[in-house]
């Protein structure tokens, strides 16, 4: 059995479901369906009972998620819990084994999606500017230079990747993704190999660009502090299922030394490490995403 990735408009999906239900003798509440459509107009991604298997090994199991347009979602969990697999499904690089994944941009097409990995994956025989312009024509030169300026590397546009530090190479990779002005940016542990100070600088850069362009962003990370610094919602995967879905209500930019930040970090880390799983945190700034008003 194979799952489904849908990119058609929600109206089309609702109409096809209505026809299917009529053929099966069912009754459709059209008013309710339209209310649901308006609610989902603000949704960039919807996963309904999504599963992924490789042979007999279940990696993702019955995932049900809705990702709001323009939100920043952090995904945490132990190695092998399915984080990167989930990102690959959302990117369209793999197909679900079961369930439905709706990827829709509000205009009837799929979201323009870019993905950034832990390795910068720059072509060593091309300059910084040429790497940013990969797949684009010469007419994109000015836009590429603008994005390089936004990430602070315009002065290095003619340098080779080998002359850049690790953090600078990741800035180029970020510029290469953003030059397309994506609606959805997927970040698969892109800062994992950087030193602590460079990582903090990259957090500030990514946050600033997200606030400027308001693309939807999903980051997979093992770093709980990073998840809290960037995400306004935290998902934790465990054995292929979502076990935590929390909205984070901390002012931006996030202050790592603040007591609320530290308290939240300790609680999320305790859940990842499976300590005190029955604990019920009394954090006023933490609201279960499932309890948000429709």
C-alpha atoms as a PDB file:
ATOM      1  CA  UNK A   1       0.000   0.000   0.000  1.00  0.00           C
ATOM      2  CA  UNK A   2       1.199   3.497  -0.831  1.00  0.00           C
ATOM      3  CA  UNK A   3       0.160   6.761   0.769  1.00  0.00           C
ATOM      4  CA  UNK A   4      -0.739   9.970  -1.025  1.00  0.00           C
ATOM      5  CA  UNK A   5       0.778  13.419  -1.436  1.00  0.00           C
ATOM      6  CA  UNK A   6      -1.863  15.921  -2.530  1.00  0.00           C
ATOM      7  CA  UNK A   7      -1.110  19.315  -4.057  1.00  0.00           C
ATOM      8  CA  UNK A   8      -4.558  20.118  -5.467  1.00  0.00           C
ATOM      9  CA  UNK A   9      -6.639  22.936  -4.006  1.00  0.00           C
ATOM     10  CA  UNK A  10      -8.686  22.096  -0.952  1.00  0.00           C
ATOM     11  CA  UNK A  11     -11.921  22.885  -2.829  1.00  0.00           C
ATOM     12  CA  UNK A  12     -11.048  20.187  -5.365  1.00  0.00           C
ATOM     13  CA  UNK A  13     -10.281  17.701  -2.607  1.00  0.00           C
ATOM     14  CA  UNK A  14     -13.545  18.442  -0.803  1.00  0.00           C
ATOM     15  CA  UNK A  15     -15.535  18.099  -4.021  1.00  0.00           C
ATOM     16  CA  UNK A  16     -13.937  14.741  -4.850  1.00  0.00           C
ATOM     17  CA  UNK A  17     -14.665  13.531  -1.310  1.00  0.00           C
ATOM     18  CA  UNK A  18     -18.289  14.711  -1.640  1.00  0.00           C
ATOM     19  CA  UNK A  19     -18.748  12.773  -4.878  1.00  0.00           C
ATOM     20  CA  UNK A  20     -17.107   9.703  -3.361  1.00  0.00           C
ATOM     21  CA  UNK A  21     -19.388   9.856  -0.315  1.00  0.00           C
ATOM     22  CA  UNK A  22     -22.472  10.246  -2.496  1.00  0.00           C
ATOM     23  CA  UNK A  23     -21.506   7.188  -4.499  1.00  0.00           C
ATOM     24  CA  UNK A  24     -21.098   5.286  -1.253  1.00  0.00           C
ATOM     25  CA  UNK A  25     -24.500   6.380   0.043  1.00  0.00           C
ATOM     26  CA  UNK A  26     -23.031   8.809   2.572  1.00  0.00           C
ATOM     27  CA  UNK A  27     -24.274  12.260   3.550  1.00  0.00           C
ATOM     28  CA  UNK A  28     -21.937  15.258   3.391  1.00  0.00           C
ATOM     29  CA  UNK A  29     -22.392  18.334   5.578  1.00  0.00           C
ATOM     30  CA  UNK A  30     -21.347  20.967   3.036  1.00  0.00           C
ATOM     31  CA  UNK A  31     -21.475  23.860   5.511  1.00  0.00           C
ATOM     32  CA  UNK A  32     -19.166  21.997   7.868  1.00  0.00           C
ATOM     33  CA  UNK A  33     -16.840  21.183   4.994  1.00  0.00           C
ATOM     34  CA  UNK A  34     -16.650  24.857   4.014  1.00  0.00           C
ATOM     35  CA  UNK A  35     -15.863  25.897   7.588  1.00  0.00           C
ATOM     36  CA  UNK A  36     -13.095  23.306   7.537  1.00  0.00           C
ATOM     37  CA  UNK A  37     -11.860  24.727   4.224  1.00  0.00           C
ATOM     38  CA  UNK A  38     -11.628  28.253   5.674  1.00  0.00           C
ATOM     39  CA  UNK A  39      -9.817  26.883   8.706  1.00  0.00           C
ATOM     40  CA  UNK A  40      -7.338  25.070   6.478  1.00  0.00           C
ATOM     41  CA  UNK A  41      -6.721  28.162   4.314  1.00  0.00           C
ATOM     42  CA  UNK A  42      -4.130  29.112   6.944  1.00  0.00           C
ATOM     43  CA  UNK A  43      -2.588  25.627   6.890  1.00  0.00           C
ATOM     44  CA  UNK A  44       0.523  24.962   4.814  1.00  0.00           C
ATOM     45  CA  UNK A  45       0.789  21.222   5.490  1.00  0.00           C
ATOM     46  CA  UNK A  46      -1.640  18.581   6.655  1.00  0.00           C
ATOM     47  CA  UNK A  47      -0.743  14.986   7.494  1.00  0.00           C
ATOM     48  CA  UNK A  48      -3.581  12.516   7.946  1.00  0.00           C
ATOM     49  CA  UNK A  49      -2.717   9.081   9.338  1.00  0.00           C
ATOM     50  CA  UNK A  50       0.672   9.205   7.571  1.00  0.00           C
ATOM     51  CA  UNK A  51       2.892   6.155   7.944  1.00  0.00           C
ATOM     52  CA  UNK A  52       6.240   5.158   6.471  1.00  0.00           C
ATOM     53  CA  UNK A  53       7.793   1.711   6.403  1.00  0.00           C
ATOM     54  CA  UNK A  54      10.981   0.280   4.954  1.00  0.00           C
ATOM     55  CA  UNK A  55      10.214  -3.382   4.583  1.00  0.00           C
ATOM     56  CA  UNK A  56       8.979  -4.548   7.980  1.00  0.00           C
ATOM     57  CA  UNK A  57      10.510  -1.606   9.840  1.00  0.00           C
ATOM     58  CA  UNK A  58       7.974   1.076  10.785  1.00  0.00           C
ATOM     59  CA  UNK A  59       9.613   4.521  10.845  1.00  0.00           C
ATOM     60  CA  UNK A  60       6.516   6.743  11.057  1.00  0.00           C
ATOM     61  CA  UNK A  61       3.206   5.524  12.407  1.00  0.00           C
ATOM     62  CA  UNK A  62      -0.209   7.188  12.006  1.00  0.00           C
ATOM     63  CA  UNK A  63       0.967  10.812  12.099  1.00  0.00           C
ATOM     64  CA  UNK A  64      -1.735  13.488  12.195  1.00  0.00           C
ATOM     65  CA  UNK A  65      -0.439  17.044  11.965  1.00  0.00           C
ATOM     66  CA  UNK A  66      -1.407  20.478  10.681  1.00  0.00           C
ATOM     67  CA  UNK A  67       1.361  23.050  10.158  1.00  0.00           C
ATOM     68  CA  UNK A  68       0.232  26.655  10.015  1.00  0.00           C
ATOM     69  CA  UNK A  69       1.365  28.870   7.164  1.00  0.00           C
ATOM     70  CA  UNK A  70       4.241  31.129   8.221  1.00  0.00           C
ATOM     71  CA  UNK A  71       4.976  29.238  11.434  1.00  0.00           C
ATOM     72  CA  UNK A  72       8.359  27.982  12.660  1.00  0.00           C
ATOM     73  CA  UNK A  73       8.215  24.404  13.939  1.00  0.00           C
ATOM     74  CA  UNK A  74      11.048  22.576  15.698  1.00  0.00           C
ATOM     75  CA  UNK A  75      11.151  18.774  15.585  1.00  0.00           C
ATOM     76  CA  UNK A  76      13.188  16.980  18.258  1.00  0.00           C
ATOM     77  CA  UNK A  77      13.731  13.383  19.288  1.00  0.00           C
ATOM     78  CA  UNK A  78      16.322  10.679  19.647  1.00  0.00           C
ATOM     79  CA  UNK A  79      18.296   9.349  16.691  1.00  0.00           C
ATOM     80  CA  UNK A  80      16.238   7.008  14.550  1.00  0.00           C
ATOM     81  CA  UNK A  81      12.846   8.325  15.687  1.00  0.00           C
ATOM     82  CA  UNK A  82      11.841   9.386  12.156  1.00  0.00           C
ATOM     83  CA  UNK A  83      12.629  13.122  12.163  1.00  0.00           C
ATOM     84  CA  UNK A  84      14.571  13.246   8.899  1.00  0.00           C
ATOM     85  CA  UNK A  85      12.197  10.772   7.259  1.00  0.00           C
ATOM     86  CA  UNK A  86       9.313  13.104   8.064  1.00  0.00           C
ATOM     87  CA  UNK A  87      11.181  15.993   6.467  1.00  0.00           C
ATOM     88  CA  UNK A  88      11.863  13.932   3.337  1.00  0.00           C
ATOM     89  CA  UNK A  89       8.169  13.075   3.026  1.00  0.00           C
ATOM     90  CA  UNK A  90       7.210  16.730   3.355  1.00  0.00           C
ATOM     91  CA  UNK A  91       9.828  17.674   0.758  1.00  0.00           C
ATOM     92  CA  UNK A  92       8.379  15.132  -1.649  1.00  0.00           C
ATOM     93  CA  UNK A  93      11.632  13.165  -1.788  1.00  0.00           C
ATOM     94  CA  UNK A  94       9.782  10.069  -0.576  1.00  0.00           C
ATOM     95  CA  UNK A  95       6.181   8.858  -0.618  1.00  0.00           C
ATOM     96  CA  UNK A  96       4.198   7.806   2.464  1.00  0.00           C
ATOM     97  CA  UNK A  97       3.458   4.112   2.820  1.00  0.00           C
ATOM     98  CA  UNK A  98      -0.007   5.016   4.095  1.00  0.00           C
ATOM     99  CA  UNK A  99      -2.117   8.064   4.779  1.00  0.00           C
ATOM    100  CA  UNK A 100      -2.353  11.431   3.058  1.00  0.00           C
ATOM    101  CA  UNK A 101      -0.007  14.413   3.037  1.00  0.00           C
ATOM    102  CA  UNK A 102      -1.556  17.652   1.747  1.00  0.00           C
ATOM    103  CA  UNK A 103       0.991  20.200   0.534  1.00  0.00           C
ATOM    104  CA  UNK A 104      -0.895  23.210  -0.800  1.00  0.00           C
ATOM    105  CA  UNK A 105       0.086  26.846  -1.311  1.00  0.00           C
ATOM    106  CA  UNK A 106      -3.382  28.403  -1.205  1.00  0.00           C
ATOM    107  CA  UNK A 107      -3.449  28.967  -4.968  1.00  0.00           C
ATOM    108  CA  UNK A 108      -4.065  25.382  -6.024  1.00  0.00           C
ATOM    109  CA  UNK A 109      -0.440  24.280  -6.377  1.00  0.00           C
ATOM    110  CA  UNK A 110       2.287  22.781  -4.247  1.00  0.00           C
ATOM    111  CA  UNK A 111       4.378  24.871  -1.878  1.00  0.00           C
ATOM    112  CA  UNK A 112       7.690  26.053  -3.328  1.00  0.00           C
ATOM    113  CA  UNK A 113       9.965  24.048  -1.036  1.00  0.00           C
ATOM    114  CA  UNK A 114      13.711  24.151  -0.359  1.00  0.00           C
ATOM    115  CA  UNK A 115      15.743  21.991   1.979  1.00  0.00           C
ATOM    116  CA  UNK A 116      18.998  22.708   3.793  1.00  0.00           C
ATOM    117  CA  UNK A 117      21.174  19.886   5.145  1.00  0.00           C
ATOM    118  CA  UNK A 118      23.892  19.556   7.766  1.00  0.00           C
ATOM    119  CA  UNK A 119      26.475  19.669   4.961  1.00  0.00           C
ATOM    120  CA  UNK A 120      26.488  22.817   2.828  1.00  0.00           C
ATOM    121  CA  UNK A 121      26.837  20.700  -0.353  1.00  0.00           C
ATOM    122  CA  UNK A 122      28.491  23.485  -2.318  1.00  0.00           C
ATOM    123  CA  UNK A 123      30.167  22.754  -5.643  1.00  0.00           C
ATOM    124  CA  UNK A 124      33.901  23.348  -5.055  1.00  0.00           C
ATOM    125  CA  UNK A 125      34.578  24.357  -8.677  1.00  0.00           C
ATOM    126  CA  UNK A 126      32.037  27.186  -8.550  1.00  0.00           C
ATOM    127  CA  UNK A 127      32.342  30.516  -6.751  1.00  0.00           C
ATOM    128  CA  UNK A 128      30.100  31.562  -3.890  1.00  0.00           C
ATOM    129  CA  UNK A 129      27.864  33.569  -6.226  1.00  0.00           C
ATOM    130  CA  UNK A 130      27.711  30.755  -8.784  1.00  0.00           C
ATOM    131  CA  UNK A 131      26.672  28.308  -6.058  1.00  0.00           C
ATOM    132  CA  UNK A 132      23.827  30.582  -5.015  1.00  0.00           C
ATOM    133  CA  UNK A 133      22.722  30.883  -8.652  1.00  0.00           C
ATOM    134  CA  UNK A 134      22.641  27.133  -9.310  1.00  0.00           C
ATOM    135  CA  UNK A 135      19.683  26.292 -11.526  1.00  0.00           C
ATOM    136  CA  UNK A 136      18.951  29.940 -12.232  1.00  0.00           C
ATOM    137  CA  UNK A 137      19.717  32.037 -15.287  1.00  0.00           C
ATOM    138  CA  UNK A 138      21.994  35.042 -15.466  1.00  0.00           C
ATOM    139  CA  UNK A 139      18.980  37.282 -14.866  1.00  0.00           C
ATOM    140  CA  UNK A 140      19.014  36.095 -11.252  1.00  0.00           C
ATOM    141  CA  UNK A 141      22.463  37.556 -10.598  1.00  0.00           C
ATOM    142  CA  UNK A 142      21.198  40.725  -8.903  1.00  0.00           C
ATOM    143  CA  UNK A 143      18.773  38.756  -6.713  1.00  0.00           C
ATOM    144  CA  UNK A 144      21.546  36.314  -5.753  1.00  0.00           C
ATOM    145  CA  UNK A 145      23.813  39.202  -4.777  1.00  0.00           C
ATOM    146  CA  UNK A 146      20.991  40.703  -2.703  1.00  0.00           C
ATOM    147  CA  UNK A 147      20.547  37.463  -0.784  1.00  0.00           C
ATOM    148  CA  UNK A 148      24.303  37.130  -0.259  1.00  0.00           C
ATOM    149  CA  UNK A 149      24.226  40.624   1.217  1.00  0.00           C
ATOM    150  CA  UNK A 150      21.377  39.546   3.530  1.00  0.00           C
ATOM    151  CA  UNK A 151      23.495  36.689   4.898  1.00  0.00           C
ATOM    152  CA  UNK A 152      26.572  38.928   5.188  1.00  0.00           C
ATOM    153  CA  UNK A 153      28.689  37.383   2.432  1.00  0.00           C
ATOM    154  CA  UNK A 154      28.436  39.748  -0.516  1.00  0.00           C
ATOM    155  CA  UNK A 155      32.130  40.613  -0.143  1.00  0.00           C
ATOM    156  CA  UNK A 156      32.971  36.909  -0.655  1.00  0.00           C
ATOM    157  CA  UNK A 157      30.894  36.413  -3.819  1.00  0.00           C
ATOM    158  CA  UNK A 158      33.929  35.563  -5.980  1.00  0.00           C
ATOM    159  CA  UNK A 159      35.634  33.286  -3.448  1.00  0.00           C
ATOM    160  CA  UNK A 160      35.809  29.512  -3.722  1.00  0.00           C
ATOM    161  CA  UNK A 161      33.988  27.429  -1.077  1.00  0.00           C
ATOM    162  CA  UNK A 162      37.293  26.012   0.178  1.00  0.00           C
ATOM    163  CA  UNK A 163      38.243  29.472   1.422  1.00  0.00           C
ATOM    164  CA  UNK A 164      35.186  29.775   3.642  1.00  0.00           C
ATOM    165  CA  UNK A 165      34.683  28.654   7.227  1.00  0.00           C
ATOM    166  CA  UNK A 166      32.013  26.089   8.081  1.00  0.00           C
ATOM    167  CA  UNK A 167      29.610  28.784   9.209  1.00  0.00           C
ATOM    168  CA  UNK A 168      30.180  30.801   6.039  1.00  0.00           C
ATOM    169  CA  UNK A 169      29.533  27.762   3.872  1.00  0.00           C
ATOM    170  CA  UNK A 170      26.219  27.240   5.653  1.00  0.00           C
ATOM    171  CA  UNK A 171      25.366  30.879   5.040  1.00  0.00           C
ATOM    172  CA  UNK A 172      25.934  30.281   1.332  1.00  0.00           C
ATOM    173  CA  UNK A 173      23.702  27.197   1.499  1.00  0.00           C
ATOM    174  CA  UNK A 174      21.026  29.290   3.207  1.00  0.00           C
ATOM    175  CA  UNK A 175      21.352  31.987   0.541  1.00  0.00           C
ATOM    176  CA  UNK A 176      21.031  29.324  -2.178  1.00  0.00           C
ATOM    177  CA  UNK A 177      17.751  28.204  -0.634  1.00  0.00           C
ATOM    178  CA  UNK A 178      16.374  31.691  -0.043  1.00  0.00           C
ATOM    179  CA  UNK A 179      17.179  33.087  -3.490  1.00  0.00           C
ATOM    180  CA  UNK A 180      14.140  31.129  -4.695  1.00  0.00           C
ATOM    181  CA  UNK A 181      11.974  32.878  -2.081  1.00  0.00           C
ATOM    182  CA  UNK A 182      10.506  29.551  -0.925  1.00  0.00           C
ATOM    183  CA  UNK A 183       7.165  29.220   0.812  1.00  0.00           C
ATOM    184  CA  UNK A 184       8.477  26.284   2.828  1.00  0.00           C
ATOM    185  CA  UNK A 185      12.025  25.930   4.160  1.00  0.00           C
ATOM    186  CA  UNK A 186      13.067  22.576   5.596  1.00  0.00           C
ATOM    187  CA  UNK A 187      16.170  22.510   7.799  1.00  0.00           C
ATOM    188  CA  UNK A 188      17.648  19.065   8.446  1.00  0.00           C
ATOM    189  CA  UNK A 189      20.141  19.658  11.279  1.00  0.00           C
ATOM    190  CA  UNK A 190      21.879  22.371   9.244  1.00  0.00           C
ATOM    191  CA  UNK A 191      23.897  23.726  12.169  1.00  0.00           C
ATOM    192  CA  UNK A 192      24.936  20.477  13.818  1.00  0.00           C
ATOM    193  CA  UNK A 193      28.583  20.670  12.726  1.00  0.00           C
ATOM    194  CA  UNK A 194      29.131  24.312  13.751  1.00  0.00           C
ATOM    195  CA  UNK A 195      30.741  25.578  16.934  1.00  0.00           C
ATOM    196  CA  UNK A 196      28.494  27.026  19.637  1.00  0.00           C
ATOM    197  CA  UNK A 197      29.108  30.721  18.904  1.00  0.00           C
ATOM    198  CA  UNK A 198      28.681  30.330  15.156  1.00  0.00           C
ATOM    199  CA  UNK A 199      25.502  28.375  15.754  1.00  0.00           C
ATOM    200  CA  UNK A 200      24.039  31.191  17.865  1.00  0.00           C
ATOM    201  CA  UNK A 201      24.901  33.670  15.103  1.00  0.00           C
ATOM    202  CA  UNK A 202      23.152  31.425  12.566  1.00  0.00           C
ATOM    203  CA  UNK A 203      20.098  31.195  14.828  1.00  0.00           C
ATOM    204  CA  UNK A 204      19.825  34.982  14.807  1.00  0.00           C
ATOM    205  CA  UNK A 205      20.272  35.117  11.026  1.00  0.00           C
ATOM    206  CA  UNK A 206      17.669  32.429  10.298  1.00  0.00           C
ATOM    207  CA  UNK A 207      15.214  34.026  12.720  1.00  0.00           C
ATOM    208  CA  UNK A 208      15.692  37.477  11.157  1.00  0.00           C
ATOM    209  CA  UNK A 209      15.160  36.170   7.617  1.00  0.00           C
ATOM    210  CA  UNK A 210      12.109  34.160   8.707  1.00  0.00           C
ATOM    211  CA  UNK A 211      10.570  37.235  10.321  1.00  0.00           C
ATOM    212  CA  UNK A 212      11.292  39.241   7.156  1.00  0.00           C
ATOM    213  CA  UNK A 213       9.878  36.804   4.590  1.00  0.00           C
ATOM    214  CA  UNK A 214       7.435  34.768   6.748  1.00  0.00           C
ATOM    215  CA  UNK A 215       8.010  31.469   4.972  1.00  0.00           C
ATOM    216  CA  UNK A 216       6.922  28.326   6.790  1.00  0.00           C
ATOM    217  CA  UNK A 217       9.947  26.684   8.430  1.00  0.00           C
ATOM    218  CA  UNK A 218      10.536  23.242   9.908  1.00  0.00           C
ATOM    219  CA  UNK A 219      13.826  22.421  11.593  1.00  0.00           C
ATOM    220  CA  UNK A 220      14.977  18.972  12.677  1.00  0.00           C
ATOM    221  CA  UNK A 221      17.494  19.138  15.501  1.00  0.00           C
ATOM    222  CA  UNK A 222      19.016  17.165  18.361  1.00  0.00           C
ATOM    223  CA  UNK A 223      19.742  20.433  20.163  1.00  0.00           C
ATOM    224  CA  UNK A 224      16.862  21.292  22.522  1.00  0.00           C
ATOM    225  CA  UNK A 225      18.201  24.799  23.074  1.00  0.00           C
ATOM    226  CA  UNK A 226      18.186  25.353  19.318  1.00  0.00           C
ATOM    227  CA  UNK A 227      14.614  24.037  19.086  1.00  0.00           C
ATOM    228  CA  UNK A 228      13.443  26.540  21.698  1.00  0.00           C
ATOM    229  CA  UNK A 229      15.481  29.441  20.310  1.00  0.00           C
ATOM    230  CA  UNK A 230      13.915  29.105  16.864  1.00  0.00           C
ATOM    231  CA  UNK A 231      10.564  27.342  17.140  1.00  0.00           C
ATOM    232  CA  UNK A 232       7.211  28.762  18.112  1.00  0.00           C
ATOM    233  CA  UNK A 233       6.030  25.145  18.296  1.00  0.00           C
ATOM    234  CA  UNK A 234       7.924  22.041  19.363  1.00  0.00           C
ATOM    235  CA  UNK A 235       7.114  18.525  18.182  1.00  0.00           C
ATOM    236  CA  UNK A 236       8.807  15.505  19.696  1.00  0.00           C
ATOM    237  CA  UNK A 237       8.877  12.216  17.824  1.00  0.00           C
ATOM    238  CA  UNK A 238       9.293   8.913  19.624  1.00  0.00           C
ATOM    239  CA  UNK A 239       9.060   5.551  17.869  1.00  0.00           C
ATOM    240  CA  UNK A 240       7.541   7.188  14.815  1.00  0.00           C
ATOM    241  CA  UNK A 241       4.765   9.023  16.678  1.00  0.00           C
ATOM    242  CA  UNK A 242       4.302  12.575  17.930  1.00  0.00           C
ATOM    243  CA  UNK A 243       4.491  12.412  21.722  1.00  0.00           C
ATOM    244  CA  UNK A 244       4.785  16.149  22.439  1.00  0.00           C
ATOM    245  CA  UNK A 245       3.109  18.978  20.531  1.00  0.00           C
ATOM    246  CA  UNK A 246       3.651  22.252  22.387  1.00  0.00           C
ATOM    247  CA  UNK A 247       3.315  25.881  21.442  1.00  0.00           C
ATOM    248  CA  UNK A 248       6.116  28.088  22.816  1.00  0.00           C
ATOM    249  CA  UNK A 249       5.142  31.524  24.026  1.00  0.00           C
ATOM    250  CA  UNK A 250       8.434  33.260  24.663  1.00  0.00           C
ATOM    251  CA  UNK A 251       9.197  36.715  23.315  1.00  0.00           C
ATOM    252  CA  UNK A 252      11.598  36.996  20.395  1.00  0.00           C
ATOM    253  CA  UNK A 253      14.498  37.220  20.248  1.00  0.00           C
ATOM    254  CA  UNK A 254      14.738  34.427  22.804  1.00  0.00           C
ATOM    255  CA  UNK A 255      17.039  35.071  25.762  1.00  0.00           C
ATOM    256  CA  UNK A 256      18.937  31.876  26.574  1.00  0.00           C
ATOM    257  CA  UNK A 257      19.799  33.118  30.056  1.00  0.00           C
ATOM    258  CA  UNK A 258      16.178  33.767  30.989  1.00  0.00           C
ATOM    259  CA  UNK A 259      14.664  31.534  33.660  1.00  0.00           C
ATOM    260  CA  UNK A 260      11.643  30.613  31.504  1.00  0.00           C
ATOM    261  CA  UNK A 261      13.926  29.562  28.645  1.00  0.00           C
ATOM    262  CA  UNK A 262      16.018  27.410  30.980  1.00  0.00           C
ATOM    263  CA  UNK A 263      12.959  25.864  32.604  1.00  0.00           C
ATOM    264  CA  UNK A 264      11.446  24.973  29.244  1.00  0.00           C
ATOM    265  CA  UNK A 265      14.752  23.578  27.985  1.00  0.00           C
ATOM    266  CA  UNK A 266      15.060  21.344  31.043  1.00  0.00           C
ATOM    267  CA  UNK A 267      11.492  20.078  30.647  1.00  0.00           C
ATOM    268  CA  UNK A 268      11.800  19.272  26.924  1.00  0.00           C
ATOM    269  CA  UNK A 269      15.156  17.600  27.515  1.00  0.00           C
ATOM    270  CA  UNK A 270      13.630  15.484  30.274  1.00  0.00           C
ATOM    271  CA  UNK A 271      10.974  14.308  27.814  1.00  0.00           C
ATOM    272  CA  UNK A 272      13.549  13.486  25.145  1.00  0.00           C
ATOM    273  CA  UNK A 273      15.562  11.514  27.701  1.00  0.00           C
ATOM    274  CA  UNK A 274      12.347   9.938  29.019  1.00  0.00           C
ATOM    275  CA  UNK A 275      12.834  11.214  32.541  1.00  0.00           C
ATOM    276  CA  UNK A 276       9.759  11.878  34.604  1.00  0.00           C
ATOM    277  CA  UNK A 277       7.412  11.338  31.642  1.00  0.00           C
ATOM    278  CA  UNK A 278       4.400  11.640  33.920  1.00  0.00           C
ATOM    279  CA  UNK A 279       5.382  15.164  35.017  1.00  0.00           C
ATOM    280  CA  UNK A 280       2.939  17.912  34.204  1.00  0.00           C
ATOM    281  CA  UNK A 281       4.868  21.180  33.730  1.00  0.00           C
ATOM    282  CA  UNK A 282       3.283  24.275  35.250  1.00  0.00           C
ATOM    283  CA  UNK A 283       4.668  26.677  32.678  1.00  0.00           C
ATOM    284  CA  UNK A 284       2.374  29.619  31.916  1.00  0.00           C
ATOM    285  CA  UNK A 285       4.116  30.349  28.613  1.00  0.00           C
ATOM    286  CA  UNK A 286       3.740  26.771  27.339  1.00  0.00           C
ATOM    287  CA  UNK A 287       0.437  25.898  25.709  1.00  0.00           C
ATOM    288  CA  UNK A 288      -0.377  22.496  24.174  1.00  0.00           C
ATOM    289  CA  UNK A 289      -0.800  23.070  20.437  1.00  0.00           C
ATOM    290  CA  UNK A 290      -3.801  20.729  20.475  1.00  0.00           C
ATOM    291  CA  UNK A 291      -5.642  23.092  22.853  1.00  0.00           C
ATOM    292  CA  UNK A 292      -5.358  26.175  20.658  1.00  0.00           C
ATOM    293  CA  UNK A 293      -8.665  27.705  19.644  1.00  0.00           C
ATOM    294  CA  UNK A 294      -9.891  26.694  16.193  1.00  0.00           C
END
